[in-house]
């Protein structure tokens, strides 16, 4: 199994990886406050080590890909975080979107 995963990462490292809702939400929550990962109902199935593993995994790819629908859902779910993390999470998501738009306009 590890060989298959390594092969797929090598094959797609330049093309990119699709980040779906739950994984993007884990990335967002972990980036804002790793302690909230196990406490937020939408990410409580994860642990901070999953976030660290996610960072290591996505670092292998040149592009991260998502869709407008995924971003909309992540925004809605992030709004459930509550204070004080909701504001930080939404600001982080906004900055991420700005980076994506910049990247899209330069390629």
N, C-alpha and C. Protein backbone atom coordinates (compact mmCIF):
# COMPACT_ATOMS: atom_id res chain seq x y z
N UNK A 1 0.82 -1.20 0.00
CA UNK A 1 0.00 0.00 0.00
C UNK A 1 0.87 1.27 0.00
N UNK A 2 1.93 1.25 0.81
CA UNK A 2 2.82 2.41 0.86
C UNK A 2 3.45 2.67 -0.49
N UNK A 3 3.77 1.59 -1.22
CA UNK A 3 4.35 1.75 -2.56
C UNK A 3 3.36 2.40 -3.51
N UNK A 4 2.11 2.03 -3.41
CA UNK A 4 1.07 2.61 -4.26
C UNK A 4 0.92 4.11 -3.96
N UNK A 5 0.88 4.45 -2.69
CA UNK A 5 0.74 5.86 -2.31
C UNK A 5 1.95 6.66 -2.79
N UNK A 6 3.13 6.12 -2.57
CA UNK A 6 4.35 6.82 -3.01
C UNK A 6 4.35 7.00 -4.52
N UNK A 7 3.89 5.99 -5.24
CA UNK A 7 3.82 6.06 -6.69
C UNK A 7 2.83 7.15 -7.14
N UNK A 8 1.70 7.21 -6.49
CA UNK A 8 0.70 8.23 -6.84
C UNK A 8 1.20 9.64 -6.52
N UNK A 9 1.88 9.79 -5.40
CA UNK A 9 2.43 11.11 -5.05
C UNK A 9 3.45 11.53 -6.10
N UNK A 10 4.34 10.62 -6.48
CA UNK A 10 5.33 10.95 -7.51
C UNK A 10 4.66 11.31 -8.83
N UNK A 11 3.61 10.60 -9.16
CA UNK A 11 2.92 10.81 -10.43
C UNK A 11 2.20 12.16 -10.48
N UNK A 12 1.63 12.57 -9.35
CA UNK A 12 0.79 13.77 -9.34
C UNK A 12 1.40 14.96 -8.61
N UNK A 13 2.65 14.86 -8.16
CA UNK A 13 3.22 15.95 -7.37
C UNK A 13 3.26 17.27 -8.13
N UNK A 14 3.41 17.23 -9.43
CA UNK A 14 3.42 18.47 -10.20
C UNK A 14 2.02 18.89 -10.65
N UNK A 15 1.12 17.93 -10.76
CA UNK A 15 -0.24 18.25 -11.20
C UNK A 15 -1.09 18.79 -10.07
N UNK A 16 -0.85 18.32 -8.86
CA UNK A 16 -1.59 18.81 -7.72
C UNK A 16 -2.46 17.76 -7.07
N UNK A 17 -3.04 18.15 -5.95
CA UNK A 17 -3.90 17.26 -5.18
C UNK A 17 -5.18 18.01 -4.83
N UNK A 18 -6.31 17.32 -4.95
CA UNK A 18 -7.60 17.91 -4.60
C UNK A 18 -7.80 17.83 -3.10
N UNK A 19 -8.08 18.96 -2.49
CA UNK A 19 -8.34 19.02 -1.05
C UNK A 19 -9.84 19.17 -0.86
N UNK A 20 -10.45 18.13 -0.29
CA UNK A 20 -11.89 18.11 -0.09
C UNK A 20 -12.27 18.82 1.22
N UNK A 21 -13.54 18.90 1.48
CA UNK A 21 -14.07 19.71 2.58
C UNK A 21 -13.47 19.37 3.94
N UNK A 22 -13.55 18.11 4.36
CA UNK A 22 -13.08 17.76 5.70
C UNK A 22 -11.59 18.00 5.87
N UNK A 23 -10.82 17.72 4.84
CA UNK A 23 -9.38 17.90 4.91
C UNK A 23 -9.04 19.39 4.91
N UNK A 24 -9.72 20.18 4.10
CA UNK A 24 -9.48 21.62 4.10
C UNK A 24 -9.90 22.24 5.42
N UNK A 25 -10.97 21.74 6.00
CA UNK A 25 -11.40 22.24 7.31
C UNK A 25 -10.38 21.88 8.38
N UNK A 26 -9.84 20.66 8.34
CA UNK A 26 -8.77 20.28 9.26
C UNK A 26 -7.57 21.20 9.10
N UNK A 27 -7.20 21.48 7.86
CA UNK A 27 -6.09 22.38 7.59
C UNK A 27 -6.36 23.76 8.18
N UNK A 28 -7.56 24.25 7.97
CA UNK A 28 -7.92 25.59 8.45
C UNK A 28 -7.93 25.66 9.98
N UNK A 29 -8.61 24.73 10.61
CA UNK A 29 -8.70 24.73 12.07
C UNK A 29 -7.32 24.53 12.68
N UNK A 30 -6.56 23.60 12.15
CA UNK A 30 -5.22 23.35 12.67
C UNK A 30 -4.29 24.53 12.48
N UNK A 31 -4.45 25.25 11.40
CA UNK A 31 -3.61 26.42 11.13
C UNK A 31 -3.91 27.56 12.10
N UNK A 32 -5.14 27.61 12.56
CA UNK A 32 -5.56 28.68 13.47
C UNK A 32 -5.29 28.29 14.93
N UNK A 33 -5.64 27.05 15.29
CA UNK A 33 -5.50 26.63 16.69
C UNK A 33 -5.55 25.11 16.75
N UNK A 34 -4.40 24.47 16.84
CA UNK A 34 -4.35 23.01 16.83
C UNK A 34 -5.12 22.39 18.00
N UNK A 35 -5.24 23.09 19.09
CA UNK A 35 -5.98 22.56 20.24
C UNK A 35 -7.46 22.40 19.94
N UNK A 36 -7.97 23.16 18.98
CA UNK A 36 -9.40 23.09 18.64
C UNK A 36 -9.74 21.88 17.77
N UNK A 37 -8.72 21.23 17.21
CA UNK A 37 -8.99 20.10 16.30
C UNK A 37 -9.87 19.06 16.97
N UNK A 38 -9.53 18.63 18.16
CA UNK A 38 -10.30 17.57 18.84
C UNK A 38 -11.54 18.10 19.55
N UNK A 39 -11.66 19.42 19.66
CA UNK A 39 -12.80 20.01 20.39
C UNK A 39 -13.90 20.51 19.47
N UNK A 40 -13.56 20.82 18.23
CA UNK A 40 -14.56 21.31 17.27
C UNK A 40 -15.29 20.10 16.70
N UNK A 41 -16.62 20.13 16.75
CA UNK A 41 -17.40 18.94 16.36
C UNK A 41 -17.14 18.49 14.92
N UNK A 42 -16.74 19.39 14.04
CA UNK A 42 -16.52 19.03 12.64
C UNK A 42 -15.14 18.42 12.39
N UNK A 43 -14.23 18.55 13.36
CA UNK A 43 -12.88 17.98 13.19
C UNK A 43 -12.49 17.06 14.34
N UNK A 44 -13.43 16.75 15.22
CA UNK A 44 -13.08 15.97 16.41
C UNK A 44 -12.65 14.54 16.10
N UNK A 45 -12.89 14.06 14.88
CA UNK A 45 -12.42 12.73 14.51
C UNK A 45 -10.92 12.72 14.22
N UNK A 46 -10.32 13.92 14.16
CA UNK A 46 -8.89 14.06 13.90
C UNK A 46 -8.16 14.41 15.20
N UNK A 47 -6.85 14.25 15.17
CA UNK A 47 -5.99 14.66 16.28
C UNK A 47 -4.91 15.59 15.71
N UNK A 48 -4.24 16.37 16.54
CA UNK A 48 -3.22 17.28 16.02
C UNK A 48 -2.15 16.60 15.17
N UNK A 49 -1.85 15.35 15.44
CA UNK A 49 -0.88 14.62 14.63
C UNK A 49 -1.38 14.42 13.20
N UNK A 50 -2.69 14.32 13.03
CA UNK A 50 -3.27 14.22 11.68
C UNK A 50 -3.01 15.51 10.91
N UNK A 51 -3.12 16.63 11.61
CA UNK A 51 -2.84 17.93 11.00
C UNK A 51 -1.38 17.99 10.55
N UNK A 52 -0.48 17.56 11.42
CA UNK A 52 0.95 17.57 11.08
C UNK A 52 1.21 16.66 9.89
N UNK A 53 0.58 15.50 9.86
CA UNK A 53 0.71 14.57 8.74
C UNK A 53 0.17 15.20 7.45
N UNK A 54 -0.94 15.90 7.57
CA UNK A 54 -1.52 16.59 6.42
C UNK A 54 -0.55 17.62 5.85
N UNK A 55 0.08 18.40 6.73
CA UNK A 55 1.06 19.38 6.28
C UNK A 55 2.21 18.72 5.52
N UNK A 56 2.70 17.61 6.06
CA UNK A 56 3.78 16.88 5.39
C UNK A 56 3.33 16.36 4.03
N UNK A 57 2.09 15.87 3.97
CA UNK A 57 1.58 15.30 2.73
C UNK A 57 1.39 16.37 1.65
N UNK A 58 0.73 17.46 1.99
CA UNK A 58 0.45 18.46 0.96
C UNK A 58 1.71 19.21 0.53
N UNK A 59 2.72 19.20 1.37
CA UNK A 59 3.99 19.84 1.00
C UNK A 59 4.65 19.14 -0.18
N UNK A 60 4.25 17.93 -0.46
CA UNK A 60 4.82 17.16 -1.58
C UNK A 60 4.26 17.57 -2.93
N UNK A 61 3.22 18.38 -2.92
CA UNK A 61 2.55 18.76 -4.16
C UNK A 61 2.82 20.22 -4.48
N UNK A 62 2.96 20.50 -5.77
CA UNK A 62 3.19 21.87 -6.20
C UNK A 62 1.91 22.69 -6.22
N UNK A 63 0.78 22.01 -6.36
CA UNK A 63 -0.50 22.71 -6.44
C UNK A 63 -1.50 22.04 -5.50
N UNK A 64 -2.29 22.87 -4.84
CA UNK A 64 -3.43 22.39 -4.08
C UNK A 64 -4.67 22.84 -4.83
N UNK A 65 -5.58 21.93 -5.05
CA UNK A 65 -6.75 22.20 -5.86
C UNK A 65 -8.00 22.00 -5.00
N UNK A 66 -8.95 22.89 -5.18
CA UNK A 66 -10.24 22.75 -4.53
C UNK A 66 -11.29 23.32 -5.48
N UNK A 67 -12.52 23.35 -5.05
CA UNK A 67 -13.60 23.84 -5.90
C UNK A 67 -14.37 24.94 -5.17
N UNK A 68 -15.13 25.75 -5.90
CA UNK A 68 -15.97 26.75 -5.23
C UNK A 68 -16.95 26.12 -4.24
N UNK A 69 -17.50 24.96 -4.56
CA UNK A 69 -18.44 24.30 -3.65
C UNK A 69 -17.76 23.89 -2.35
N UNK A 70 -16.56 23.36 -2.45
CA UNK A 70 -15.81 22.97 -1.25
C UNK A 70 -15.51 24.20 -0.41
N UNK A 71 -15.07 25.27 -1.05
CA UNK A 71 -14.77 26.50 -0.31
C UNK A 71 -16.01 27.07 0.38
N UNK A 72 -17.15 26.99 -0.28
CA UNK A 72 -18.40 27.46 0.32
C UNK A 72 -18.75 26.64 1.55
N UNK A 73 -18.60 25.33 1.43
CA UNK A 73 -18.92 24.46 2.56
C UNK A 73 -17.95 24.67 3.72
N UNK A 74 -16.67 24.82 3.41
CA UNK A 74 -15.68 25.07 4.46
C UNK A 74 -15.98 26.39 5.15
N UNK A 75 -16.36 27.40 4.40
CA UNK A 75 -16.72 28.69 4.99
C UNK A 75 -17.90 28.52 5.96
N UNK A 76 -18.92 27.80 5.53
CA UNK A 76 -20.10 27.59 6.39
C UNK A 76 -19.72 26.83 7.65
N UNK A 77 -18.92 25.80 7.52
CA UNK A 77 -18.52 25.01 8.68
C UNK A 77 -17.60 25.80 9.61
N UNK A 78 -16.72 26.58 9.04
CA UNK A 78 -15.80 27.38 9.85
C UNK A 78 -16.57 28.42 10.67
N UNK A 79 -17.69 28.87 10.16
CA UNK A 79 -18.51 29.83 10.90
C UNK A 79 -19.08 29.24 12.19
N UNK A 80 -19.05 27.92 12.31
CA UNK A 80 -19.54 27.25 13.51
C UNK A 80 -18.48 27.16 14.60
N UNK A 81 -17.28 27.62 14.32
CA UNK A 81 -16.18 27.52 15.29
C UNK A 81 -16.44 28.29 16.57
N UNK A 82 -17.05 29.42 16.47
CA UNK A 82 -17.26 30.25 17.65
C UNK A 82 -16.04 31.09 17.96
N UNK A 83 -16.24 32.02 18.87
CA UNK A 83 -15.17 32.95 19.24
C UNK A 83 -14.13 32.25 20.10
N UNK A 84 -12.89 32.64 20.06
CA UNK A 84 -12.31 33.68 19.21
C UNK A 84 -11.80 33.13 17.88
N UNK A 85 -11.88 31.83 17.70
CA UNK A 85 -11.23 31.21 16.54
C UNK A 85 -11.94 31.45 15.22
N UNK A 86 -13.23 31.74 15.23
CA UNK A 86 -13.95 31.93 13.98
C UNK A 86 -13.38 33.09 13.17
N UNK A 87 -13.07 34.19 13.83
CA UNK A 87 -12.53 35.35 13.11
C UNK A 87 -11.16 35.04 12.52
N UNK A 88 -10.32 34.37 13.29
CA UNK A 88 -8.99 34.00 12.79
C UNK A 88 -9.11 33.02 11.63
N UNK A 89 -10.04 32.06 11.74
CA UNK A 89 -10.21 31.07 10.68
C UNK A 89 -10.70 31.72 9.39
N UNK A 90 -11.65 32.61 9.50
CA UNK A 90 -12.18 33.27 8.30
C UNK A 90 -11.13 34.19 7.67
N UNK A 91 -10.34 34.85 8.50
CA UNK A 91 -9.25 35.68 7.97
C UNK A 91 -8.21 34.82 7.27
N UNK A 92 -7.89 33.67 7.85
CA UNK A 92 -6.94 32.74 7.25
C UNK A 92 -7.48 32.24 5.91
N UNK A 93 -8.77 31.90 5.89
CA UNK A 93 -9.39 31.43 4.65
C UNK A 93 -9.38 32.53 3.59
N UNK A 94 -9.65 33.75 3.98
CA UNK A 94 -9.60 34.88 3.05
C UNK A 94 -8.20 35.04 2.47
N UNK A 95 -7.18 34.97 3.32
CA UNK A 95 -5.80 35.08 2.83
C UNK A 95 -5.45 33.93 1.89
N UNK A 96 -5.94 32.74 2.21
CA UNK A 96 -5.72 31.59 1.35
C UNK A 96 -6.36 31.81 -0.02
N UNK A 97 -7.57 32.34 -0.03
CA UNK A 97 -8.26 32.62 -1.29
C UNK A 97 -7.52 33.68 -2.11
N UNK A 98 -7.00 34.69 -1.43
CA UNK A 98 -6.23 35.72 -2.14
C UNK A 98 -5.00 35.12 -2.79
N UNK A 99 -4.33 34.21 -2.09
CA UNK A 99 -3.16 33.55 -2.67
C UNK A 99 -3.55 32.70 -3.86
N UNK A 100 -4.70 32.00 -3.75
CA UNK A 100 -5.16 31.18 -4.88
C UNK A 100 -5.49 32.04 -6.08
N UNK A 101 -6.17 33.14 -5.85
CA UNK A 101 -6.52 34.04 -6.96
C UNK A 101 -5.27 34.63 -7.59
N UNK A 102 -4.29 35.01 -6.78
CA UNK A 102 -3.03 35.53 -7.32
C UNK A 102 -2.36 34.47 -8.18
N UNK A 103 -2.32 33.25 -7.66
CA UNK A 103 -1.68 32.16 -8.39
C UNK A 103 -2.42 31.91 -9.72
N UNK A 104 -3.76 31.92 -9.67
CA UNK A 104 -4.54 31.67 -10.89
C UNK A 104 -4.28 32.75 -11.93
N UNK A 105 -4.09 33.97 -11.49
CA UNK A 105 -3.87 35.08 -12.43
C UNK A 105 -2.44 35.12 -13.00
N UNK A 106 -1.52 34.41 -12.35
CA UNK A 106 -0.14 34.43 -12.83
C UNK A 106 0.21 33.18 -13.64
N UNK A 107 -0.69 32.21 -13.71
CA UNK A 107 -0.38 31.00 -14.49
C UNK A 107 -1.13 30.99 -15.79
